[in-house]
Every structure is written in structure tokens, then in C-alpha cells.
Amino acid sequence: MLTLLHLDCSARPESVSAQITAEFAAAWRVAHPEGRLLQRNLARHPVPHIDGAHIETVTRLETAGIVELEEARHAARTLTERRSWSTTWKLIDELLLADVLVIGLPVYHLSVPSVFKAWLDRIGIPPLFVSPKTGRGPLSGTRVVVATAHGAAYGQDVPHDDFLEPHLRAVFRALGLADDLVFLRAEMTKAGHVPWLAPFRAAAQGSLEQAIESAREAARR
């Protein structure tokens, strides 16, 4: 049975990125009626940022060279470490179950929302990274679709600094999540309420419609 893990990260009630991921999830369920859907809204239910206890446990794994998942699962020693590590492993277990991961990511100040970074920091433990010998890891083979919402446009003639996509490609590559990675981009999402972007409202609508159609197509795979 295939499993889809659906993450949303936008604090905006009328989130554009969430619209795209919702269309993906709906089309995926039609295409995979026997599949299982796991959902997590990181904006509504934020993941605690990593703390000293988490870092201490990860440092122990690195020092001992532990890369086996089950051994790592029991690496926490103190009560404080076990509490933090339990939070981490709830997220890791969800991710390990997923055959497909769809993420809704608005661009906040040129990068990812902090709620997503907190999730990423939690799941980025040594046993999940790809082996330098084989280039494979526990997450290799997972399909990943990332729906991003950009307030402006990143066309060839528009100066910009996009730190979201390059950052995610690098981290996901290290985690084995870049083998089948697709980005769906909706641009000019602020055109509806920012006066100087008003001339781009039609472009914004077209960009959203294209992202939604691409999401539906990707979901039917």
C-alpha cells in the first residue's frame, strides 16, 4: 500500500502553496484509492526546534559512528534526551512510511519558513543521510513534490535571490530525497494585495493554474 505524507507550512489562511498541495493530495487519492494519506500542518502545529538534548544525542551518534536506524532510535540516555528524541522519532517514522512526500512551502524572506526548518532539523540525523560508499540511504526512492509560493517573480529579467530551492536541493540530496524531486512554483502571489504588483494579477493567476495542473499530473504517476 502506497503512503503519501502531506506537509503544509504556510501561516496564511488563503495559502497558495496549500492550495497546490491540496490539489495534489486529492488527485493522488483518486489515482491511488487504496493508498494511505498522512497529513501534518507545521504552521498550525509547529514542531519544537531542536534543543540541547537533541544535539547531545546526535553528537553521540556521530562520535560512535552509529548509522543503524534501530540503534539510533535508542540512543537517548537521560529523561530530557528521551523526551526530545521521542519528538524527533515521531517525525522520522512518518517520513520512513512515505512513498511520496508533498510539501507546501511559501517563501519567507527568500528562504523556507522556520516551522519547516524545525521539521528538517529534527529529521536530519546521521542514519538518514546517504552512505558515502553506496550513495543510498533509508529515504532513497521516495518521490518528493515541493509546491512553492513566491510573492514576486523570478524570471530572467527580474533580479532575485532564491535561497529556498538551492538549499532544499542540497539538503534533500544528502538525505536521498533528490532522486525524484519536482518543484512546482506559483509566482506573483502578492499581486492581489500589493498595489505596485497589481499589473501582474493575470500572470499570478496563470502561474497558480499551471502549478495546480502540474500537481494533478504529478499525482497521477
N, C-alpha and C. Protein backbone atom coordinates (compact mmCIF):
# COMPACT_ATOMS: atom_id res chain seq x y z
N MET A 1 0.84 -1.20 0.00
CA MET A 1 0.00 0.00 0.00
C MET A 1 0.88 1.25 0.00
N LEU A 2 0.65 2.13 -0.96
CA LEU A 2 1.41 3.36 -1.04
C LEU A 2 0.97 4.35 0.04
N THR A 3 1.92 5.14 0.52
CA THR A 3 1.62 6.14 1.55
C THR A 3 2.11 7.50 1.08
N LEU A 4 1.23 8.51 1.22
CA LEU A 4 1.56 9.90 0.91
C LEU A 4 1.66 10.67 2.22
N LEU A 5 2.79 11.34 2.43
CA LEU A 5 2.94 12.26 3.56
C LEU A 5 2.79 13.67 3.02
N HIS A 6 1.81 14.40 3.55
CA HIS A 6 1.43 15.72 3.07
C HIS A 6 1.77 16.74 4.16
N LEU A 7 2.73 17.61 3.87
CA LEU A 7 3.14 18.65 4.81
C LEU A 7 2.76 20.02 4.26
N ASP A 8 2.14 20.85 5.11
CA ASP A 8 1.90 22.25 4.76
C ASP A 8 2.59 23.12 5.80
N CYS A 9 3.05 24.30 5.35
CA CYS A 9 3.90 25.13 6.21
C CYS A 9 3.48 26.59 6.28
N SER A 10 2.44 26.96 5.55
CA SER A 10 2.08 28.38 5.47
C SER A 10 1.15 28.80 6.60
N ALA A 11 1.44 29.96 7.18
CA ALA A 11 0.58 30.52 8.22
C ALA A 11 -0.57 31.32 7.63
N ARG A 12 -0.58 31.48 6.33
CA ARG A 12 -1.59 32.30 5.66
C ARG A 12 -2.88 31.51 5.47
N PRO A 13 -4.04 32.03 5.92
CA PRO A 13 -5.30 31.29 5.79
C PRO A 13 -5.62 30.90 4.35
N GLU A 14 -5.35 31.80 3.40
CA GLU A 14 -5.65 31.51 1.99
C GLU A 14 -4.37 31.08 1.26
N SER A 15 -3.59 30.28 1.91
CA SER A 15 -2.28 29.86 1.41
C SER A 15 -2.31 29.33 -0.02
N VAL A 16 -1.45 29.88 -0.86
CA VAL A 16 -1.34 29.42 -2.24
C VAL A 16 -0.63 28.07 -2.29
N SER A 17 0.43 27.92 -1.52
CA SER A 17 1.15 26.64 -1.53
C SER A 17 0.25 25.51 -1.05
N ALA A 18 -0.61 25.80 -0.07
CA ALA A 18 -1.53 24.78 0.43
C ALA A 18 -2.60 24.43 -0.59
N GLN A 19 -2.99 25.41 -1.42
CA GLN A 19 -3.95 25.11 -2.49
C GLN A 19 -3.36 24.08 -3.45
N ILE A 20 -2.08 24.25 -3.76
CA ILE A 20 -1.43 23.35 -4.72
C ILE A 20 -1.28 21.96 -4.11
N THR A 21 -0.84 21.88 -2.86
CA THR A 21 -0.67 20.56 -2.25
C THR A 21 -2.02 19.87 -2.05
N ALA A 22 -3.06 20.65 -1.78
CA ALA A 22 -4.40 20.05 -1.64
C ALA A 22 -4.85 19.42 -2.95
N GLU A 23 -4.58 20.10 -4.06
CA GLU A 23 -4.93 19.55 -5.37
C GLU A 23 -4.12 18.28 -5.65
N PHE A 24 -2.85 18.29 -5.27
CA PHE A 24 -2.02 17.10 -5.45
C PHE A 24 -2.59 15.95 -4.63
N ALA A 25 -2.89 16.20 -3.35
CA ALA A 25 -3.39 15.14 -2.48
C ALA A 25 -4.72 14.58 -2.98
N ALA A 26 -5.61 15.46 -3.45
CA ALA A 26 -6.91 15.00 -3.95
C ALA A 26 -6.74 14.12 -5.19
N ALA A 27 -5.88 14.55 -6.11
CA ALA A 27 -5.65 13.77 -7.33
C ALA A 27 -4.93 12.46 -7.01
N TRP A 28 -4.04 12.50 -6.03
CA TRP A 28 -3.31 11.29 -5.64
C TRP A 28 -4.26 10.24 -5.06
N ARG A 29 -5.21 10.69 -4.27
CA ARG A 29 -6.16 9.75 -3.66
C ARG A 29 -7.06 9.12 -4.71
N VAL A 30 -7.41 9.88 -5.74
CA VAL A 30 -8.20 9.31 -6.84
C VAL A 30 -7.38 8.28 -7.60
N ALA A 31 -6.10 8.60 -7.83
CA ALA A 31 -5.24 7.70 -8.58
C ALA A 31 -4.80 6.48 -7.77
N HIS A 32 -4.83 6.62 -6.44
CA HIS A 32 -4.38 5.53 -5.56
C HIS A 32 -5.42 5.33 -4.45
N PRO A 33 -6.60 4.81 -4.81
CA PRO A 33 -7.69 4.69 -3.84
C PRO A 33 -7.37 3.81 -2.64
N GLU A 34 -6.43 2.91 -2.79
CA GLU A 34 -6.05 2.05 -1.67
C GLU A 34 -4.91 2.65 -0.85
N GLY A 35 -4.42 3.80 -1.26
CA GLY A 35 -3.28 4.42 -0.58
C GLY A 35 -3.65 5.03 0.76
N ARG A 36 -2.62 5.32 1.53
CA ARG A 36 -2.80 5.93 2.86
C ARG A 36 -2.27 7.35 2.83
N LEU A 37 -3.02 8.27 3.43
CA LEU A 37 -2.63 9.68 3.47
C LEU A 37 -2.31 10.08 4.90
N LEU A 38 -1.10 10.60 5.11
CA LEU A 38 -0.69 11.16 6.39
C LEU A 38 -0.54 12.66 6.20
N GLN A 39 -1.11 13.46 7.10
CA GLN A 39 -1.06 14.91 6.96
C GLN A 39 -0.48 15.55 8.21
N ARG A 40 0.29 16.61 7.99
CA ARG A 40 0.84 17.38 9.11
C ARG A 40 0.92 18.84 8.67
N ASN A 41 0.24 19.71 9.43
CA ASN A 41 0.30 21.15 9.15
C ASN A 41 1.27 21.77 10.16
N LEU A 42 2.46 22.10 9.68
CA LEU A 42 3.50 22.58 10.57
C LEU A 42 3.26 24.01 11.04
N ALA A 43 2.40 24.75 10.34
CA ALA A 43 2.08 26.10 10.79
C ALA A 43 1.08 26.06 11.95
N ARG A 44 0.10 25.18 11.84
CA ARG A 44 -0.90 25.06 12.92
C ARG A 44 -0.36 24.30 14.12
N HIS A 45 0.48 23.33 13.85
CA HIS A 45 1.04 22.50 14.92
C HIS A 45 2.56 22.47 14.76
N PRO A 46 3.24 23.53 15.20
CA PRO A 46 4.69 23.62 14.98
C PRO A 46 5.47 22.52 15.70
N VAL A 47 6.50 22.09 15.07
CA VAL A 47 7.43 21.13 15.66
C VAL A 47 8.42 21.91 16.54
N PRO A 48 8.71 21.44 17.73
CA PRO A 48 9.70 22.14 18.57
C PRO A 48 11.06 22.17 17.89
N HIS A 49 11.70 23.30 17.95
CA HIS A 49 13.05 23.40 17.40
C HIS A 49 13.98 22.44 18.15
N ILE A 50 15.05 22.03 17.47
CA ILE A 50 15.99 21.15 18.14
C ILE A 50 16.60 21.87 19.34
N ASP A 51 16.86 21.10 20.38
CA ASP A 51 17.39 21.66 21.62
C ASP A 51 18.71 20.99 21.97
N GLY A 52 19.23 21.35 23.11
CA GLY A 52 20.49 20.78 23.55
C GLY A 52 20.45 19.28 23.69
N ALA A 53 19.30 18.76 24.14
CA ALA A 53 19.16 17.31 24.32
C ALA A 53 19.23 16.59 22.98
N HIS A 54 18.57 17.14 21.98
CA HIS A 54 18.63 16.54 20.64
C HIS A 54 20.06 16.56 20.11
N ILE A 55 20.71 17.71 20.23
CA ILE A 55 22.07 17.85 19.72
C ILE A 55 23.03 16.90 20.45
N GLU A 56 22.84 16.75 21.75
CA GLU A 56 23.70 15.83 22.52
C GLU A 56 23.54 14.40 22.02
N THR A 57 22.31 14.02 21.73
CA THR A 57 22.07 12.66 21.24
C THR A 57 22.67 12.45 19.85
N VAL A 58 22.49 13.44 18.97
CA VAL A 58 23.06 13.35 17.63
C VAL A 58 24.59 13.30 17.70
N THR A 59 25.17 14.10 18.59
CA THR A 59 26.62 14.10 18.75
C THR A 59 27.11 12.72 19.19
N ARG A 60 26.34 12.07 20.02
CA ARG A 60 26.70 10.72 20.48
C ARG A 60 26.69 9.75 19.30
N LEU A 61 25.69 9.88 18.42
CA LEU A 61 25.63 9.03 17.23
C LEU A 61 26.86 9.26 16.35
N GLU A 62 27.19 10.54 16.14
CA GLU A 62 28.32 10.88 15.27
C GLU A 62 29.63 10.37 15.86
N THR A 63 29.79 10.53 17.17
CA THR A 63 31.03 10.10 17.82
C THR A 63 31.22 8.59 17.73
N ALA A 64 30.11 7.87 17.90
CA ALA A 64 30.17 6.41 17.86
C ALA A 64 30.07 5.85 16.45
N GLY A 65 29.80 6.70 15.47
CA GLY A 65 29.67 6.23 14.10
C GLY A 65 28.44 5.37 13.88
N ILE A 66 27.37 5.65 14.63
CA ILE A 66 26.15 4.85 14.54
C ILE A 66 25.33 5.29 13.34
N VAL A 67 25.06 4.36 12.44
CA VAL A 67 24.25 4.66 11.25
C VAL A 67 23.06 3.72 11.12
N GLU A 68 22.92 2.79 12.04
CA GLU A 68 21.77 1.89 12.01
C GLU A 68 20.57 2.57 12.66
N LEU A 69 19.45 2.53 11.98
CA LEU A 69 18.27 3.24 12.46
C LEU A 69 17.80 2.75 13.83
N GLU A 70 17.71 1.45 14.00
CA GLU A 70 17.18 0.94 15.27
C GLU A 70 18.13 1.20 16.43
N GLU A 71 19.40 1.18 16.16
CA GLU A 71 20.36 1.52 17.21
C GLU A 71 20.24 3.00 17.57
N ALA A 72 20.06 3.83 16.55
CA ALA A 72 19.92 5.26 16.78
C ALA A 72 18.63 5.59 17.54
N ARG A 73 17.60 4.82 17.30
CA ARG A 73 16.32 5.06 17.96
C ARG A 73 16.45 5.04 19.48
N HIS A 74 17.37 4.26 19.98
CA HIS A 74 17.52 4.09 21.43
C HIS A 74 18.76 4.78 21.97
N ALA A 75 19.22 5.81 21.26
CA ALA A 75 20.48 6.47 21.64
C ALA A 75 20.34 7.46 22.79
N ALA A 76 19.12 7.95 23.03
CA ALA A 76 18.93 8.93 24.11
C ALA A 76 19.14 8.25 25.47
N ARG A 77 19.73 8.98 26.40
CA ARG A 77 20.04 8.40 27.71
C ARG A 77 19.25 9.02 28.85
N THR A 78 19.30 10.34 28.98
CA THR A 78 18.63 10.99 30.10
C THR A 78 17.15 11.19 29.78
N LEU A 79 16.38 11.51 30.81
CA LEU A 79 14.95 11.75 30.61
C LEU A 79 14.73 12.90 29.64
N THR A 80 15.52 13.96 29.77
CA THR A 80 15.39 15.11 28.87
C THR A 80 15.70 14.72 27.43
N GLU A 81 16.74 13.92 27.25
CA GLU A 81 17.08 13.46 25.91
C GLU A 81 15.99 12.58 25.33
N ARG A 82 15.45 11.70 26.15
CA ARG A 82 14.41 10.79 25.65
C ARG A 82 13.16 11.55 25.23
N ARG A 83 12.81 12.58 25.96
CA ARG A 83 11.63 13.39 25.60
C ARG A 83 11.85 14.07 24.24
N SER A 84 13.01 14.69 24.07
CA SER A 84 13.30 15.37 22.81
C SER A 84 13.42 14.38 21.67
N TRP A 85 14.10 13.26 21.91
CA TRP A 85 14.32 12.24 20.89
C TRP A 85 13.00 11.59 20.46
N SER A 86 12.06 11.49 21.39
CA SER A 86 10.75 10.94 21.05
C SER A 86 10.03 11.83 20.04
N THR A 87 10.14 13.13 20.22
CA THR A 87 9.56 14.07 19.26
C THR A 87 10.18 13.90 17.89
N THR A 88 11.49 13.76 17.87
CA THR A 88 12.21 13.56 16.61
C THR A 88 11.76 12.30 15.91
N TRP A 89 11.61 11.22 16.64
CA TRP A 89 11.31 9.94 16.00
C TRP A 89 9.86 9.81 15.53
N LYS A 90 8.97 10.58 16.10
CA LYS A 90 7.60 10.61 15.57
C LYS A 90 7.63 11.13 14.13
N LEU A 91 8.44 12.14 13.89
CA LEU A 91 8.55 12.72 12.55
C LEU A 91 9.30 11.79 11.60
N ILE A 92 10.36 11.17 12.11
CA ILE A 92 11.14 10.25 11.28
C ILE A 92 10.31 9.04 10.87
N ASP A 93 9.54 8.49 11.81
CA ASP A 93 8.72 7.33 11.49
C ASP A 93 7.68 7.65 10.42
N GLU A 94 7.09 8.85 10.48
CA GLU A 94 6.16 9.27 9.43
C GLU A 94 6.86 9.31 8.08
N LEU A 95 8.04 9.89 8.07
CA LEU A 95 8.78 10.04 6.82
C LEU A 95 9.21 8.68 6.26
N LEU A 96 9.60 7.77 7.13
CA LEU A 96 10.02 6.44 6.67
C LEU A 96 8.86 5.66 6.06
N LEU A 97 7.64 5.96 6.49
CA LEU A 97 6.47 5.28 5.94
C LEU A 97 6.12 5.77 4.54
N ALA A 98 6.57 6.98 4.21
CA ALA A 98 6.10 7.64 2.99
C ALA A 98 6.77 7.11 1.74
N ASP A 99 5.95 6.83 0.74
CA ASP A 99 6.45 6.55 -0.61
C ASP A 99 6.52 7.84 -1.41
N VAL A 100 5.63 8.77 -1.05
CA VAL A 100 5.56 10.07 -1.71
C VAL A 100 5.47 11.14 -0.63
N LEU A 101 6.21 12.23 -0.82
CA LEU A 101 6.19 13.36 0.10
C LEU A 101 5.83 14.60 -0.69
N VAL A 102 4.75 15.29 -0.28
CA VAL A 102 4.38 16.55 -0.91
C VAL A 102 4.44 17.63 0.16
N ILE A 103 5.10 18.73 -0.18
CA ILE A 103 5.35 19.80 0.78
C ILE A 103 4.88 21.13 0.21
N GLY A 104 4.10 21.86 0.97
CA GLY A 104 3.70 23.21 0.59
C GLY A 104 4.60 24.21 1.29
N LEU A 105 5.36 25.00 0.51
CA LEU A 105 6.35 25.91 1.09
C LEU A 105 6.20 27.32 0.53
N PRO A 106 5.70 28.25 1.33
CA PRO A 106 5.78 29.65 0.92
C PRO A 106 7.22 30.13 1.11
N VAL A 107 7.61 31.14 0.34
CA VAL A 107 8.94 31.73 0.50
C VAL A 107 8.83 32.85 1.52
N TYR A 108 9.49 32.69 2.63
CA TYR A 108 9.54 33.73 3.66
C TYR A 108 10.95 34.33 3.67
N HIS A 109 11.04 35.60 3.30
CA HIS A 109 12.33 36.31 3.32
C HIS A 109 13.42 35.51 2.61
N LEU A 110 13.07 35.07 1.42
CA LEU A 110 13.99 34.41 0.48
C LEU A 110 14.33 32.96 0.82
N SER A 111 13.69 32.41 1.84
CA SER A 111 14.01 31.03 2.21
C SER A 111 12.77 30.33 2.77
N VAL A 112 12.98 29.22 3.47
CA VAL A 112 11.88 28.41 3.98
C VAL A 112 11.32 28.99 5.27
N PRO A 113 10.05 28.74 5.59
CA PRO A 113 9.50 29.14 6.87
C PRO A 113 10.23 28.43 8.01
N SER A 114 10.32 29.07 9.16
CA SER A 114 11.04 28.49 10.29
C SER A 114 10.39 27.19 10.76
N VAL A 115 9.07 27.06 10.58
CA VAL A 115 8.40 25.83 11.03
C VAL A 115 8.87 24.63 10.20
N PHE A 116 9.16 24.88 8.91
CA PHE A 116 9.69 23.79 8.09
C PHE A 116 11.13 23.50 8.46
N LYS A 117 11.91 24.54 8.71
CA LYS A 117 13.31 24.34 9.10
C LYS A 117 13.38 23.53 10.39
N ALA A 118 12.45 23.76 11.32
CA ALA A 118 12.43 22.98 12.56
C ALA A 118 12.19 21.50 12.27
N TRP A 119 11.26 21.21 11.35
CA TRP A 119 11.00 19.82 10.95
C TRP A 119 12.24 19.22 10.29
N LEU A 120 12.86 19.98 9.39
CA LEU A 120 14.03 19.50 8.67
C LEU A 120 15.20 19.22 9.63
N ASP A 121 15.39 20.10 10.59
CA ASP A 121 16.46 19.90 11.57
C ASP A 121 16.21 18.65 12.42
N ARG A 122 14.96 18.37 12.70
CA ARG A 122 14.62 17.19 13.51
C ARG A 122 14.91 15.90 12.75
N ILE A 123 14.54 15.86 11.48
CA ILE A 123 14.68 14.58 10.75
C ILE A 123 16.09 14.37 10.19
N GLY A 124 16.91 15.42 10.21
CA GLY A 124 18.24 15.31 9.63
C GLY A 124 19.25 14.68 10.58
N ILE A 125 19.08 13.42 10.90
CA ILE A 125 20.00 12.73 11.80
C ILE A 125 20.93 11.82 10.98
N PRO A 126 22.11 11.49 11.50
CA PRO A 126 23.11 10.74 10.72
C PRO A 126 22.60 9.48 10.01
N PRO A 127 21.80 8.61 10.64
CA PRO A 127 21.40 7.40 9.93
C PRO A 127 20.51 7.62 8.71
N LEU A 128 19.95 8.82 8.57
CA LEU A 128 19.09 9.08 7.41
C LEU A 128 19.86 9.63 6.21
N PHE A 129 21.09 10.05 6.42
CA PHE A 129 21.87 10.57 5.30
C PHE A 129 22.39 9.42 4.44
N VAL A 130 22.60 9.71 3.17
CA VAL A 130 23.04 8.67 2.25
C VAL A 130 24.46 8.21 2.61
N SER A 131 24.73 6.98 2.34
CA SER A 131 26.05 6.42 2.59
C SER A 131 27.05 6.98 1.58
N PRO A 132 28.22 7.41 2.04
CA PRO A 132 29.24 7.88 1.09
C PRO A 132 29.77 6.77 0.20
N LYS A 133 29.57 5.53 0.62
CA LYS A 133 30.05 4.40 -0.17
C LYS A 133 29.06 4.00 -1.27
N THR A 134 27.76 3.97 -0.90
CA THR A 134 26.76 3.49 -1.85
C THR A 134 25.95 4.62 -2.50
N GLY A 135 25.94 5.80 -1.86
CA GLY A 135 25.11 6.89 -2.36
C GLY A 135 23.63 6.67 -2.10
N ARG A 136 23.31 5.70 -1.27
CA ARG A 136 21.92 5.37 -0.95
C ARG A 136 21.69 5.49 0.56
N GLY A 137 20.44 5.71 0.93
CA GLY A 137 20.07 5.80 2.33
C GLY A 137 18.66 5.30 2.53
N PRO A 138 18.18 5.31 3.77
CA PRO A 138 16.84 4.80 4.07
C PRO A 138 15.72 5.51 3.33
N LEU A 139 15.95 6.76 2.92
CA LEU A 139 14.90 7.53 2.25
C LEU A 139 15.04 7.50 0.73
N SER A 140 16.07 6.88 0.21
CA SER A 140 16.27 6.82 -1.24
C SER A 140 15.07 6.15 -1.91
N GLY A 141 14.63 6.73 -3.02
CA GLY A 141 13.49 6.19 -3.74
C GLY A 141 12.18 6.88 -3.42
N THR A 142 12.18 7.72 -2.38
CA THR A 142 10.97 8.47 -2.04
C THR A 142 10.73 9.58 -3.06
N ARG A 143 9.53 9.64 -3.61
CA ARG A 143 9.17 10.73 -4.52
C ARG A 143 8.88 11.98 -3.70
N VAL A 144 9.37 13.13 -4.18
CA VAL A 144 9.17 14.38 -3.45
C VAL A 144 8.64 15.44 -4.41
N VAL A 145 7.53 16.07 -4.02
CA VAL A 145 6.95 17.18 -4.78
C VAL A 145 6.88 18.37 -3.84
N VAL A 146 7.49 19.48 -4.23
CA VAL A 146 7.51 20.68 -3.40
C VAL A 146 6.77 21.79 -4.13
N ALA A 147 5.71 22.28 -3.52
CA ALA A 147 4.93 23.38 -4.09
C ALA A 147 5.35 24.67 -3.40
N THR A 148 5.94 25.58 -4.16
CA THR A 148 6.41 26.83 -3.57
C THR A 148 5.56 28.01 -4.03
N ALA A 149 5.41 28.98 -3.15
CA ALA A 149 4.65 30.19 -3.45
C ALA A 149 5.58 31.39 -3.27
N HIS A 150 5.76 32.14 -4.35
CA HIS A 150 6.68 33.28 -4.36
C HIS A 150 5.87 34.57 -4.48
N GLY A 151 6.16 35.53 -3.64
CA GLY A 151 5.41 36.79 -3.68
C GLY A 151 5.60 37.56 -4.96
N ALA A 152 6.80 37.47 -5.54
CA ALA A 152 7.09 38.14 -6.80
C ALA A 152 7.48 37.08 -7.84
N ALA A 153 8.17 37.49 -8.89
CA ALA A 153 8.54 36.57 -9.96
C ALA A 153 10.06 36.45 -10.03
N TYR A 154 10.52 35.27 -10.43
CA TYR A 154 11.94 35.03 -10.56
C TYR A 154 12.29 34.74 -12.02
N GLY A 155 11.82 35.59 -12.91
CA GLY A 155 12.13 35.43 -14.32
C GLY A 155 13.55 35.88 -14.64
N GLN A 156 13.95 35.69 -15.87
CA GLN A 156 15.32 36.00 -16.27
C GLN A 156 15.65 37.48 -16.12
N ASP A 157 14.65 38.35 -16.29
CA ASP A 157 14.92 39.79 -16.26
C ASP A 157 14.62 40.42 -14.90
N VAL A 158 14.33 39.60 -13.89
CA VAL A 158 13.99 40.12 -12.57
C VAL A 158 15.09 39.76 -11.59
N PRO A 159 15.78 40.77 -11.02
CA PRO A 159 16.82 40.48 -10.03
C PRO A 159 16.20 39.75 -8.83
N HIS A 160 16.88 38.70 -8.37
CA HIS A 160 16.33 37.95 -7.25
C HIS A 160 17.42 37.14 -6.56
N ASP A 161 17.11 36.76 -5.37
CA ASP A 161 17.96 35.85 -4.61
C ASP A 161 17.05 34.74 -4.09
N ASP A 162 17.09 33.61 -4.76
CA ASP A 162 16.26 32.47 -4.37
C ASP A 162 17.14 31.49 -3.59
N PHE A 163 17.00 31.50 -2.27
CA PHE A 163 17.78 30.59 -1.44
C PHE A 163 17.00 29.35 -1.05
N LEU A 164 15.71 29.32 -1.36
CA LEU A 164 14.89 28.18 -0.96
C LEU A 164 15.21 26.94 -1.78
N GLU A 165 15.08 27.03 -3.09
CA GLU A 165 15.24 25.84 -3.93
C GLU A 165 16.67 25.29 -3.90
N PRO A 166 17.71 26.11 -4.03
CA PRO A 166 19.06 25.55 -3.95
C PRO A 166 19.34 24.89 -2.60
N HIS A 167 18.86 25.50 -1.54
CA HIS A 167 19.06 24.94 -0.20
C HIS A 167 18.40 23.57 -0.08
N LEU A 168 17.14 23.49 -0.53
CA LEU A 168 16.42 22.23 -0.41
C LEU A 168 17.03 21.15 -1.29
N ARG A 169 17.45 21.51 -2.49
CA ARG A 169 18.07 20.51 -3.36
C ARG A 169 19.32 19.92 -2.69
N ALA A 170 20.11 20.76 -2.05
CA ALA A 170 21.34 20.29 -1.42
C ALA A 170 21.03 19.39 -0.23
N VAL A 171 20.11 19.81 0.63
CA VAL A 171 19.78 19.01 1.82
C VAL A 171 19.10 17.71 1.40
N PHE A 172 18.15 17.79 0.48
CA PHE A 172 17.46 16.58 0.05
C PHE A 172 18.40 15.61 -0.66
N ARG A 173 19.36 16.13 -1.37
CA ARG A 173 20.35 15.25 -2.00
C ARG A 173 21.12 14.46 -0.93
N ALA A 174 21.49 15.13 0.15
CA ALA A 174 22.21 14.47 1.23
C ALA A 174 21.34 13.43 1.93
N LEU A 175 20.02 13.65 1.92
CA LEU A 175 19.09 12.72 2.58
C LEU A 175 18.54 11.65 1.64
N GLY A 176 18.98 11.66 0.39
CA GLY A 176 18.47 10.69 -0.56
C GLY A 176 17.08 11.01 -1.08
N LEU A 177 16.67 12.27 -0.94
CA LEU A 177 15.33 12.68 -1.34
C LEU A 177 15.31 13.46 -2.66
N ALA A 178 16.43 13.47 -3.36
CA ALA A 178 16.51 14.24 -4.60
C ALA A 178 16.50 13.38 -5.85
N ASP A 179 16.34 12.07 -5.69
CA ASP A 179 16.34 11.19 -6.86
C ASP A 179 15.13 11.43 -7.75
N ASP A 180 14.01 11.77 -7.14
CA ASP A 180 12.76 12.02 -7.87
C ASP A 180 12.10 13.24 -7.24
N LEU A 181 12.69 14.40 -7.49
CA LEU A 181 12.31 15.65 -6.83
C LEU A 181 11.77 16.64 -7.86
N VAL A 182 10.57 17.17 -7.60
CA VAL A 182 9.92 18.12 -8.51
C VAL A 182 9.52 19.36 -7.73
N PHE A 183 9.79 20.52 -8.29
CA PHE A 183 9.34 21.79 -7.71
C PHE A 183 8.22 22.36 -8.58
N LEU A 184 7.13 22.75 -7.95
CA LEU A 184 6.02 23.41 -8.63
C LEU A 184 5.94 24.84 -8.07
N ARG A 185 6.09 25.82 -8.94
CA ARG A 185 6.23 27.21 -8.47
C ARG A 185 5.04 28.07 -8.88
N ALA A 186 4.43 28.72 -7.89
CA ALA A 186 3.42 29.76 -8.15
C ALA A 186 4.07 31.10 -7.83
N GLU A 187 4.01 32.04 -8.77
CA GLU A 187 4.68 33.32 -8.61
C GLU A 187 3.69 34.47 -8.55
N MET A 188 4.18 35.61 -8.11
CA MET A 188 3.41 36.84 -8.00
C MET A 188 2.20 36.69 -7.07
N THR A 189 2.37 35.90 -6.01
CA THR A 189 1.23 35.65 -5.12
C THR A 189 0.80 36.89 -4.34
N LYS A 190 1.63 37.91 -4.29
CA LYS A 190 1.26 39.14 -3.59
C LYS A 190 0.56 40.15 -4.51
N ALA A 191 0.37 39.78 -5.77
CA ALA A 191 -0.23 40.71 -6.72
C ALA A 191 -1.65 41.10 -6.34
N GLY A 192 -2.32 40.23 -5.60
CA GLY A 192 -3.71 40.51 -5.24
C GLY A 192 -3.88 41.62 -4.22
N HIS A 193 -2.81 41.93 -3.45
CA HIS A 193 -2.98 42.95 -2.41
C HIS A 193 -1.86 44.00 -2.36
N VAL A 194 -0.79 43.80 -3.10
CA VAL A 194 0.28 44.80 -3.14
C VAL A 194 0.06 45.70 -4.35
N PRO A 195 -0.17 47.01 -4.14
CA PRO A 195 -0.55 47.89 -5.25
C PRO A 195 0.40 47.86 -6.44
N TRP A 196 1.71 47.91 -6.20
CA TRP A 196 2.62 48.01 -7.34
C TRP A 196 2.73 46.71 -8.14
N LEU A 197 2.19 45.62 -7.55
CA LEU A 197 2.18 44.35 -8.27
C LEU A 197 0.84 44.09 -8.98
N ALA A 198 -0.11 45.01 -8.85
CA ALA A 198 -1.44 44.83 -9.43
C ALA A 198 -1.42 44.50 -10.93
N PRO A 199 -0.50 45.08 -11.72
CA PRO A 199 -0.48 44.73 -13.16
C PRO A 199 -0.17 43.26 -13.43
N PHE A 200 0.30 42.56 -12.41
CA PHE A 200 0.70 41.17 -12.60
C PHE A 200 -0.34 40.17 -12.11
N ARG A 201 -1.54 40.64 -11.84
CA ARG A 201 -2.57 39.73 -11.29
C ARG A 201 -2.93 38.61 -12.26
N ALA A 202 -3.03 38.92 -13.52
CA ALA A 202 -3.35 37.88 -14.51
C ALA A 202 -2.21 36.86 -14.58
N ALA A 203 -0.97 37.36 -14.52
CA ALA A 203 0.18 36.46 -14.54
C ALA A 203 0.19 35.56 -13.30
N ALA A 204 -0.18 36.15 -12.17
CA ALA A 204 -0.22 35.37 -10.94
C ALA A 204 -1.25 34.25 -11.03
N GLN A 205 -2.42 34.57 -11.57
CA GLN A 205 -3.46 33.56 -11.72
C GLN A 205 -3.02 32.46 -12.68
N GLY A 206 -2.39 32.86 -13.75
CA GLY A 206 -1.90 31.87 -14.71
C GLY A 206 -0.84 30.98 -14.11
N SER A 207 0.04 31.55 -13.31
CA SER A 207 1.09 30.78 -12.66
C SER A 207 0.50 29.76 -11.69
N LEU A 208 -0.51 30.20 -10.93
CA LEU A 208 -1.17 29.28 -9.99
C LEU A 208 -1.87 28.15 -10.72
N GLU A 209 -2.58 28.49 -11.78
CA GLU A 209 -3.30 27.46 -12.54
C GLU A 209 -2.33 26.44 -13.13
N GLN A 210 -1.19 26.91 -13.61
CA GLN A 210 -0.19 26.00 -14.17
C GLN A 210 0.39 25.09 -13.09
N ALA A 211 0.64 25.65 -11.91
CA ALA A 211 1.17 24.84 -10.80
C ALA A 211 0.17 23.79 -10.37
N ILE A 212 -1.11 24.15 -10.32
CA ILE A 212 -2.15 23.20 -9.92
C ILE A 212 -2.27 22.08 -10.95
N GLU A 213 -2.25 22.43 -12.22
CA GLU A 213 -2.35 21.41 -13.27
C GLU A 213 -1.14 20.48 -13.22
N SER A 214 0.03 21.04 -12.99
CA SER A 214 1.24 20.22 -12.88
C SER A 214 1.16 19.31 -11.65
N ALA A 215 0.56 19.81 -10.57
CA ALA A 215 0.38 19.00 -9.37
C ALA A 215 -0.54 17.82 -9.64
N ARG A 216 -1.62 18.06 -10.35
CA ARG A 216 -2.55 16.97 -10.68
C ARG A 216 -1.87 15.91 -11.55
N GLU A 217 -1.09 16.38 -12.51
CA GLU A 217 -0.38 15.44 -13.38
C GLU A 217 0.63 14.62 -12.60
N ALA A 218 1.37 15.28 -11.72
CA ALA A 218 2.37 14.57 -10.91
C ALA A 218 1.72 13.56 -9.99
N ALA A 219 0.54 13.88 -9.49
CA ALA A 219 -0.15 12.98 -8.55
C ALA A 219 -0.63 11.70 -9.22
N ARG A 220 -0.86 11.76 -10.51
CA ARG A 220 -1.40 10.59 -11.21
C ARG A 220 -0.32 9.57 -11.54
N ARG A 221 0.93 9.87 -11.26
CA ARG A 221 2.02 8.92 -11.51
C ARG A 221 1.94 7.71 -10.59
